[in-house]
Amino acid sequence: MCNRKSWKEFRESGMLWFANMILHVFGWAIVCNVDEKGNVLEAYPARVKFRGFDEKNNTEGYIKVSQFMKENADDLLDESQK
């Protein structure tokens, strides 16, 4: 199964933040350049010097990922059992 999603949905779900939290451990990040409406114009991997995010962004990220898990828990469980 492969269901293509938009960068916008990936960002709004908190998955970009979550992926970057892991990538930051290794000095990497997925960078998205966006326009004034929030549309992703390009995305690319980059080596970065910073590690982690500030408290505000972490709080927002945890909320978004938690909301995603709440809304998709049944589907995630069903998919994992197939």
Protein backbone atom coordinates (compact mmCIF):
# COMPACT_ATOMS: atom_id res chain seq x y z
CA MET A 1 0.00 0.00 0.00
CA CYS A 2 1.26 3.43 -0.91
CA ASN A 3 -1.06 6.39 -0.60
CA ARG A 4 0.64 9.59 -1.73
CA LYS A 5 0.13 12.56 0.58
CA SER A 6 0.96 16.24 0.25
CA TRP A 7 3.78 18.01 2.02
CA LYS A 8 1.11 20.24 3.55
CA GLU A 9 -0.60 17.28 5.19
CA PHE A 10 2.76 15.87 6.33
CA ARG A 11 3.65 19.19 7.97
CA GLU A 12 0.20 19.77 9.50
CA SER A 13 0.12 16.28 11.02
CA GLY A 14 3.34 16.98 12.91
CA MET A 15 5.23 14.28 11.02
CA LEU A 16 7.83 16.68 9.59
CA TRP A 17 8.56 17.96 13.11
CA PHE A 18 8.78 14.38 14.41
CA ALA A 19 11.07 13.23 11.58
CA ASN A 20 13.29 16.25 12.08
CA MET A 21 13.52 15.61 15.82
CA ILE A 22 15.06 12.23 15.00
CA LEU A 23 17.22 13.57 12.15
CA HIS A 24 18.59 16.36 14.36
CA VAL A 25 20.38 13.74 16.47
CA PHE A 26 22.55 13.06 13.43
CA GLY A 27 22.87 16.68 12.30
CA TRP A 28 20.34 16.35 9.49
CA ALA A 29 16.93 17.85 8.72
CA ILE A 30 14.30 17.91 6.01
CA VAL A 31 13.99 21.56 4.97
CA CYS A 32 10.80 22.87 3.38
CA ASN A 33 10.64 26.23 1.66
CA VAL A 34 7.06 27.48 1.75
CA ASP A 35 5.18 30.36 0.19
CA GLU A 36 3.03 32.90 2.04
CA LYS A 37 0.05 30.49 1.94
CA GLY A 38 2.03 27.63 3.48
CA ASN A 39 2.41 25.67 0.24
CA VAL A 40 5.69 23.77 0.02
CA LEU A 41 7.71 25.04 -2.92
CA GLU A 42 10.60 22.62 -2.43
CA ALA A 43 11.87 20.15 0.14
CA TYR A 44 15.36 18.76 0.53
CA PRO A 45 17.61 17.06 3.10
CA ALA A 46 20.27 19.25 4.70
CA ARG A 47 23.11 18.99 7.18
CA VAL A 48 22.41 21.30 10.11
CA LYS A 49 24.28 22.51 13.18
CA PHE A 50 21.26 22.93 15.45
CA ARG A 51 19.78 20.14 17.56
CA GLY A 52 16.14 20.06 18.56
CA PHE A 53 13.44 22.70 18.75
CA ASP A 54 12.32 25.28 21.27
CA GLU A 55 9.61 24.52 23.83
CA LYS A 56 6.82 26.19 21.82
CA ASN A 57 7.53 24.15 18.67
CA ASN A 58 7.93 20.94 20.66
CA THR A 59 4.60 21.51 22.41
CA GLU A 60 2.85 22.18 19.09
CA GLY A 61 4.53 19.13 17.54
CA TYR A 62 3.52 16.79 20.35
CA ILE A 63 -0.07 18.03 20.14
CA LYS A 64 -0.21 17.54 16.35
CA VAL A 65 1.27 14.03 16.49
CA SER A 66 -1.00 13.07 19.39
CA GLN A 67 -4.03 14.34 17.47
CA PHE A 68 -2.94 12.37 14.39
CA MET A 69 -2.57 9.20 16.46
CA LYS A 70 -5.98 9.72 18.08
CA GLU A 71 -7.70 10.22 14.72
CA ASN A 72 -5.90 7.32 13.00
CA ALA A 73 -5.43 4.76 15.79
CA ASP A 74 -7.88 2.19 14.40
CA ASP A 75 -6.44 2.39 10.87
CA LEU A 76 -2.85 2.20 12.16
CA LEU A 77 -3.66 -0.91 14.19
CA ASP A 78 -5.52 -2.56 11.30
CA GLU A 79 -2.68 -1.83 8.84
CA SER A 80 -0.05 -3.20 11.21
CA GLN A 81 -1.89 -6.51 11.54
CA LYS A 82 -2.07 -7.22 7.79
